[in-house]
Amino acid sequence: MAKLNKEYTALLSENNNPSTNFWKLKKRIRQDAKSPGVAIDIRRSDFFVEILSLMNAGVINREDLADFSKEVTNWIDQILEWND
């Protein structure tokens, strides 16, 4: 979210008409709201699929999983190896 906030601030700071910047920001927020990195509801049965989706979307990377259990990280590593 911090990254998005910086991007939103940059949009509002562009050297355009303020209303143009506002409407660009509103459009961007709508797009971002659909991104899995902004809002996601993870059920236990979908956990691994959602983690892989977040990784594929560039929202998280392998290092972000450091605090997960060894079982989870091993499983993710196996899937990532299969995809290479």
N, C-alpha and C. Protein backbone atom coordinates (compact mmCIF):
# COMPACT_ATOMS: atom_id res chain seq x y z
N MET A 1 0.82 -1.19 0.00
CA MET A 1 0.00 0.00 0.00
C MET A 1 0.86 1.26 0.00
N ALA A 2 2.00 1.21 0.65
CA ALA A 2 2.87 2.39 0.67
C ALA A 2 3.32 2.74 -0.74
N LYS A 3 3.62 1.72 -1.53
CA LYS A 3 4.02 1.95 -2.92
C LYS A 3 2.88 2.62 -3.70
N LEU A 4 1.67 2.12 -3.50
CA LEU A 4 0.52 2.71 -4.18
C LEU A 4 0.31 4.16 -3.75
N ASN A 5 0.45 4.42 -2.47
CA ASN A 5 0.28 5.79 -1.98
C ASN A 5 1.26 6.75 -2.64
N LYS A 6 2.50 6.31 -2.82
CA LYS A 6 3.50 7.15 -3.49
C LYS A 6 3.11 7.39 -4.94
N GLU A 7 2.62 6.35 -5.60
CA GLU A 7 2.20 6.49 -6.99
C GLU A 7 0.99 7.42 -7.09
N TYR A 8 0.07 7.33 -6.15
CA TYR A 8 -1.10 8.22 -6.15
C TYR A 8 -0.67 9.66 -5.92
N THR A 9 0.26 9.87 -5.01
CA THR A 9 0.76 11.22 -4.76
C THR A 9 1.41 11.78 -6.01
N ALA A 10 2.18 10.95 -6.71
CA ALA A 10 2.81 11.40 -7.95
C ALA A 10 1.76 11.78 -8.99
N LEU A 11 0.69 11.00 -9.09
CA LEU A 11 -0.39 11.34 -10.02
C LEU A 11 -1.01 12.69 -9.69
N LEU A 12 -1.27 12.92 -8.42
CA LEU A 12 -1.87 14.18 -8.02
C LEU A 12 -0.93 15.36 -8.19
N SER A 13 0.37 15.10 -8.21
CA SER A 13 1.37 16.16 -8.32
C SER A 13 1.76 16.48 -9.75
N GLU A 14 1.19 15.75 -10.72
CA GLU A 14 1.53 16.01 -12.11
C GLU A 14 1.14 17.43 -12.49
N ASN A 15 1.86 17.97 -13.45
CA ASN A 15 1.65 19.35 -13.88
C ASN A 15 0.51 19.42 -14.90
N ASN A 16 -0.67 19.05 -14.45
CA ASN A 16 -1.89 19.09 -15.26
C ASN A 16 -2.93 19.91 -14.53
N ASN A 17 -4.07 20.05 -15.16
CA ASN A 17 -5.22 20.64 -14.51
C ASN A 17 -5.56 19.76 -13.31
N PRO A 18 -5.81 20.33 -12.13
CA PRO A 18 -6.12 19.51 -10.95
C PRO A 18 -7.26 18.53 -11.16
N SER A 19 -8.28 18.93 -11.92
CA SER A 19 -9.39 18.00 -12.14
C SER A 19 -8.95 16.82 -13.00
N THR A 20 -8.03 17.06 -13.94
CA THR A 20 -7.49 15.97 -14.75
C THR A 20 -6.76 14.98 -13.87
N ASN A 21 -5.94 15.50 -12.96
CA ASN A 21 -5.21 14.63 -12.03
C ASN A 21 -6.16 13.83 -11.15
N PHE A 22 -7.22 14.48 -10.69
CA PHE A 22 -8.20 13.81 -9.85
C PHE A 22 -8.84 12.64 -10.59
N TRP A 23 -9.29 12.87 -11.82
CA TRP A 23 -9.97 11.81 -12.57
C TRP A 23 -9.01 10.69 -12.95
N LYS A 24 -7.75 11.03 -13.23
CA LYS A 24 -6.75 9.99 -13.48
C LYS A 24 -6.56 9.13 -12.23
N LEU A 25 -6.50 9.79 -11.08
CA LEU A 25 -6.33 9.06 -9.82
C LEU A 25 -7.54 8.18 -9.53
N LYS A 26 -8.73 8.70 -9.75
CA LYS A 26 -9.94 7.91 -9.51
C LYS A 26 -9.95 6.65 -10.38
N LYS A 27 -9.58 6.80 -11.64
CA LYS A 27 -9.52 5.65 -12.55
C LYS A 27 -8.48 4.64 -12.07
N ARG A 28 -7.33 5.14 -11.64
CA ARG A 28 -6.25 4.27 -11.17
C ARG A 28 -6.66 3.51 -9.91
N ILE A 29 -7.33 4.18 -8.99
CA ILE A 29 -7.77 3.53 -7.76
C ILE A 29 -8.76 2.42 -8.07
N ARG A 30 -9.66 2.66 -9.01
CA ARG A 30 -10.61 1.61 -9.42
C ARG A 30 -9.88 0.40 -9.97
N GLN A 31 -8.88 0.64 -10.81
CA GLN A 31 -8.10 -0.47 -11.37
C GLN A 31 -7.36 -1.22 -10.27
N ASP A 32 -6.72 -0.47 -9.38
CA ASP A 32 -5.94 -1.08 -8.31
C ASP A 32 -6.81 -1.86 -7.33
N ALA A 33 -8.04 -1.43 -7.15
CA ALA A 33 -8.93 -2.12 -6.21
C ALA A 33 -9.22 -3.54 -6.67
N LYS A 34 -9.07 -3.80 -7.96
CA LYS A 34 -9.31 -5.14 -8.49
C LYS A 34 -8.06 -6.02 -8.43
N SER A 35 -6.94 -5.43 -8.11
CA SER A 35 -5.67 -6.16 -8.04
C SER A 35 -5.63 -7.06 -6.80
N PRO A 36 -5.08 -8.26 -6.94
CA PRO A 36 -5.02 -9.16 -5.78
C PRO A 36 -4.15 -8.62 -4.66
N GLY A 37 -3.27 -7.69 -4.96
CA GLY A 37 -2.42 -7.15 -3.92
C GLY A 37 -3.10 -6.13 -3.04
N VAL A 38 -4.24 -5.63 -3.48
CA VAL A 38 -4.96 -4.61 -2.73
C VAL A 38 -6.02 -5.22 -1.83
N ALA A 39 -6.79 -6.13 -2.39
CA ALA A 39 -7.86 -6.76 -1.62
C ALA A 39 -7.95 -8.22 -1.99
N ILE A 40 -7.89 -9.06 -1.00
CA ILE A 40 -7.97 -10.50 -1.27
C ILE A 40 -8.58 -11.20 -0.07
N ASP A 41 -9.39 -12.17 -0.36
CA ASP A 41 -10.02 -12.99 0.68
C ASP A 41 -9.48 -14.41 0.47
N ILE A 42 -8.65 -14.86 1.39
CA ILE A 42 -8.01 -16.17 1.22
C ILE A 42 -8.66 -17.18 2.16
N ARG A 43 -9.16 -18.23 1.56
CA ARG A 43 -9.67 -19.36 2.33
C ARG A 43 -8.56 -20.41 2.40
N ARG A 44 -8.59 -21.19 3.42
CA ARG A 44 -7.55 -22.20 3.62
C ARG A 44 -7.41 -23.11 2.39
N SER A 45 -8.52 -23.48 1.79
CA SER A 45 -8.48 -24.38 0.64
C SER A 45 -7.84 -23.73 -0.60
N ASP A 46 -7.84 -22.40 -0.64
CA ASP A 46 -7.28 -21.67 -1.79
C ASP A 46 -5.92 -21.05 -1.49
N PHE A 47 -5.38 -21.31 -0.34
CA PHE A 47 -4.17 -20.62 0.13
C PHE A 47 -3.03 -20.67 -0.88
N PHE A 48 -2.66 -21.86 -1.33
CA PHE A 48 -1.50 -21.98 -2.22
C PHE A 48 -1.76 -21.32 -3.57
N VAL A 49 -2.96 -21.47 -4.07
CA VAL A 49 -3.31 -20.84 -5.35
C VAL A 49 -3.21 -19.33 -5.22
N GLU A 50 -3.70 -18.79 -4.13
CA GLU A 50 -3.65 -17.34 -3.92
C GLU A 50 -2.22 -16.84 -3.75
N ILE A 51 -1.40 -17.58 -3.03
CA ILE A 51 0.01 -17.19 -2.87
C ILE A 51 0.69 -17.15 -4.23
N LEU A 52 0.47 -18.17 -5.04
CA LEU A 52 1.07 -18.20 -6.38
C LEU A 52 0.53 -17.07 -7.25
N SER A 53 -0.74 -16.75 -7.13
CA SER A 53 -1.33 -15.64 -7.88
C SER A 53 -0.68 -14.32 -7.49
N LEU A 54 -0.49 -14.13 -6.19
CA LEU A 54 0.17 -12.91 -5.72
C LEU A 54 1.60 -12.82 -6.24
N MET A 55 2.28 -13.95 -6.29
CA MET A 55 3.65 -13.97 -6.80
C MET A 55 3.67 -13.67 -8.30
N ASN A 56 2.75 -14.27 -9.04
CA ASN A 56 2.68 -14.04 -10.48
C ASN A 56 2.32 -12.60 -10.81
N ALA A 57 1.53 -11.96 -9.95
CA ALA A 57 1.14 -10.56 -10.16
C ALA A 57 2.24 -9.60 -9.73
N GLY A 58 3.31 -10.13 -9.12
CA GLY A 58 4.41 -9.28 -8.67
C GLY A 58 4.13 -8.56 -7.36
N VAL A 59 3.09 -8.97 -6.66
CA VAL A 59 2.73 -8.34 -5.40
C VAL A 59 3.67 -8.77 -4.29
N ILE A 60 4.02 -10.05 -4.30
CA ILE A 60 4.98 -10.58 -3.32
C ILE A 60 6.04 -11.36 -4.07
N ASN A 61 7.14 -11.65 -3.39
CA ASN A 61 8.18 -12.50 -3.97
C ASN A 61 8.56 -13.57 -2.96
N ARG A 62 9.48 -14.41 -3.33
CA ARG A 62 9.87 -15.55 -2.49
C ARG A 62 10.36 -15.09 -1.12
N GLU A 63 11.08 -13.99 -1.07
CA GLU A 63 11.61 -13.49 0.20
C GLU A 63 10.50 -13.08 1.17
N ASP A 64 9.35 -12.69 0.64
CA ASP A 64 8.23 -12.30 1.50
C ASP A 64 7.64 -13.49 2.25
N LEU A 65 8.00 -14.69 1.85
CA LEU A 65 7.48 -15.89 2.49
C LEU A 65 8.39 -16.41 3.60
N ALA A 66 9.39 -15.66 3.95
CA ALA A 66 10.39 -16.11 4.92
C ALA A 66 9.79 -16.49 6.28
N ASP A 67 8.71 -15.85 6.67
CA ASP A 67 8.10 -16.14 7.98
C ASP A 67 7.07 -17.26 7.93
N PHE A 68 6.85 -17.81 6.75
CA PHE A 68 5.91 -18.93 6.64
C PHE A 68 6.60 -20.22 7.07
N SER A 69 5.81 -21.24 7.31
CA SER A 69 6.36 -22.52 7.75
C SER A 69 7.23 -23.14 6.66
N LYS A 70 8.10 -24.03 7.09
CA LYS A 70 8.97 -24.74 6.15
C LYS A 70 8.14 -25.54 5.15
N GLU A 71 7.04 -26.11 5.62
CA GLU A 71 6.15 -26.88 4.73
C GLU A 71 5.62 -26.00 3.60
N VAL A 72 5.19 -24.80 3.93
CA VAL A 72 4.66 -23.88 2.92
C VAL A 72 5.75 -23.46 1.95
N THR A 73 6.89 -23.05 2.48
CA THR A 73 7.96 -22.58 1.59
C THR A 73 8.50 -23.70 0.71
N ASN A 74 8.58 -24.91 1.23
CA ASN A 74 9.02 -26.04 0.41
C ASN A 74 8.04 -26.30 -0.73
N TRP A 75 6.77 -26.24 -0.43
CA TRP A 75 5.75 -26.48 -1.45
C TRP A 75 5.84 -25.40 -2.54
N ILE A 76 5.94 -24.15 -2.13
CA ILE A 76 6.05 -23.04 -3.08
C ILE A 76 7.31 -23.20 -3.93
N ASP A 77 8.43 -23.56 -3.29
CA ASP A 77 9.68 -23.77 -4.03
C ASP A 77 9.53 -24.86 -5.08
N GLN A 78 8.84 -25.94 -4.73
CA GLN A 78 8.63 -27.02 -5.70
C GLN A 78 7.83 -26.53 -6.90
N ILE A 79 6.78 -25.80 -6.65
CA ILE A 79 5.95 -25.28 -7.74
C ILE A 79 6.76 -24.32 -8.61
N LEU A 80 7.54 -23.46 -7.98
CA LEU A 80 8.35 -22.51 -8.74
C LEU A 80 9.39 -23.23 -9.59
N GLU A 81 9.97 -24.31 -9.07
CA GLU A 81 10.94 -25.10 -9.84
C GLU A 81 10.27 -25.74 -11.05
N TRP A 82 9.05 -26.24 -10.88
CA TRP A 82 8.33 -26.87 -11.99
C TRP A 82 8.02 -25.86 -13.08
N ASN A 83 7.82 -24.60 -12.69
CA ASN A 83 7.47 -23.57 -13.67
C ASN A 83 8.68 -23.03 -14.42
N ASP A 84 9.88 -23.33 -13.95
CA ASP A 84 11.09 -22.82 -14.63
C ASP A 84 11.43 -23.59 -15.84
